[in-house]
Amino acid sequence: MTKLKTHKGIAKVTKLRPGKKISINRVGGNHNTGKKSTAFNRRVRKSVLMSKADINRLRKMLK
């Protein structure tokens, strides 16, 4: 069986954390942030952990 290739699109936007957790940035913070609320912009800056269902689905793509 051939080796699985890493999905480069997912690899660029995610980070592997200790304990097999995956963090990803929130959406909506790249442009037009002047018209969005400051609370929204602060929230968007922080990364979040992926849900367990998404981790199980995407783990094969990140190998």
C-alpha atoms as a PDB file:
ATOM      1  CA  MET A   1       0.000   0.000   0.000  1.00  0.00           C
ATOM      2  CA  THR A   2       1.304   3.467  -0.860  1.00  0.00           C
ATOM      3  CA  LYS A   3       2.100   6.068   1.765  1.00  0.00           C
ATOM      4  CA  LEU A   4      -0.595   8.605   2.643  1.00  0.00           C
ATOM      5  CA  LYS A   5       0.279  12.156   1.674  1.00  0.00           C
ATOM      6  CA  THR A   6      -0.328  15.050   4.041  1.00  0.00           C
ATOM      7  CA  HIS A   7      -3.271  17.262   3.052  1.00  0.00           C
ATOM      8  CA  LYS A   8      -1.413  20.553   2.609  1.00  0.00           C
ATOM      9  CA  GLY A   9      -4.501  22.768   2.946  1.00  0.00           C
ATOM     10  CA  ILE A  10      -5.259  21.404   6.403  1.00  0.00           C
ATOM     11  CA  ALA A  11      -1.605  21.354   7.428  1.00  0.00           C
ATOM     12  CA  LYS A  12      -1.315  25.106   6.748  1.00  0.00           C
ATOM     13  CA  VAL A  13      -4.234  26.153   8.963  1.00  0.00           C
ATOM     14  CA  THR A  14      -3.901  23.721  11.878  1.00  0.00           C
ATOM     15  CA  LYS A  15      -1.342  23.068  14.597  1.00  0.00           C
ATOM     16  CA  LEU A  16      -0.848  19.799  16.438  1.00  0.00           C
ATOM     17  CA  ARG A  17      -0.848  20.240  20.223  1.00  0.00           C
ATOM     18  CA  PRO A  18       0.330  17.846  22.930  1.00  0.00           C
ATOM     19  CA  GLY A  19      -2.177  15.153  23.757  1.00  0.00           C
ATOM     20  CA  LYS A  20      -3.153  14.688  20.086  1.00  0.00           C
ATOM     21  CA  LYS A  21      -5.227  17.873  20.079  1.00  0.00           C
ATOM     22  CA  ILE A  22      -5.509  20.105  17.030  1.00  0.00           C
ATOM     23  CA  SER A  23      -5.885  23.888  17.211  1.00  0.00           C
ATOM     24  CA  ILE A  24      -7.253  26.037  14.400  1.00  0.00           C
ATOM     25  CA  ASN A  25      -7.834  29.775  13.987  1.00  0.00           C
ATOM     26  CA  ARG A  26     -11.316  31.239  14.009  1.00  0.00           C
ATOM     27  CA  VAL A  27     -12.880  32.562  10.827  1.00  0.00           C
ATOM     28  CA  GLY A  28     -13.695  36.177   9.991  1.00  0.00           C
ATOM     29  CA  GLY A  29     -10.551  38.023  11.042  1.00  0.00           C
ATOM     30  CA  ASN A  30      -8.711  38.523   7.769  1.00  0.00           C
ATOM     31  CA  HIS A  31     -10.371  41.606   6.322  1.00  0.00           C
ATOM     32  CA  ASN A  32     -13.135  44.163   6.930  1.00  0.00           C
ATOM     33  CA  THR A  33     -12.384  44.127  10.649  1.00  0.00           C
ATOM     34  CA  GLY A  34     -13.045  47.862  11.008  1.00  0.00           C
ATOM     35  CA  LYS A  35     -16.801  47.394  10.729  1.00  0.00           C
ATOM     36  CA  LYS A  36     -16.868  44.390  13.081  1.00  0.00           C
ATOM     37  CA  SER A  37     -17.157  44.856  16.807  1.00  0.00           C
ATOM     38  CA  THR A  38     -14.034  45.005  18.939  1.00  0.00           C
ATOM     39  CA  ALA A  39     -15.275  42.085  21.019  1.00  0.00           C
ATOM     40  CA  PHE A  40     -15.541  40.003  17.850  1.00  0.00           C
ATOM     41  CA  ASN A  41     -12.055  41.022  16.735  1.00  0.00           C
ATOM     42  CA  ARG A  42     -10.577  40.079  20.116  1.00  0.00           C
ATOM     43  CA  ARG A  43     -12.344  36.725  20.036  1.00  0.00           C
ATOM     44  CA  VAL A  44     -11.098  35.986  16.514  1.00  0.00           C
ATOM     45  CA  ARG A  45      -7.441  36.477  17.527  1.00  0.00           C
ATOM     46  CA  LYS A  46      -7.438  33.407  19.748  1.00  0.00           C
ATOM     47  CA  SER A  47      -7.244  29.899  18.374  1.00  0.00           C
ATOM     48  CA  VAL A  48      -9.632  27.159  19.419  1.00  0.00           C
ATOM     49  CA  LEU A  49      -9.333  23.399  19.761  1.00  0.00           C
ATOM     50  CA  MET A  50     -11.111  21.252  17.209  1.00  0.00           C
ATOM     51  CA  SER A  51     -13.972  19.064  18.315  1.00  0.00           C
ATOM     52  CA  LYS A  52     -13.346  15.373  18.872  1.00  0.00           C
ATOM     53  CA  ALA A  53     -15.426  14.411  15.825  1.00  0.00           C
ATOM     54  CA  ASP A  54     -13.382  16.701  13.556  1.00  0.00           C
ATOM     55  CA  ILE A  55     -10.103  15.436  15.000  1.00  0.00           C
ATOM     56  CA  ASN A  56     -11.025  11.836  14.252  1.00  0.00           C
ATOM     57  CA  ARG A  57     -12.073  12.792  10.713  1.00  0.00           C
ATOM     58  CA  LEU A  58      -8.964  14.841   9.881  1.00  0.00           C
ATOM     59  CA  ARG A  59      -6.257  12.829  11.637  1.00  0.00           C
ATOM     60  CA  LYS A  60      -5.673  10.620   8.575  1.00  0.00           C
ATOM     61  CA  MET A  61      -5.166  13.680   6.383  1.00  0.00           C
ATOM     62  CA  LEU A  62      -2.487  15.117   8.700  1.00  0.00           C
ATOM     63  CA  LYS A  63      -0.226  12.057   8.762  1.00  0.00           C
END
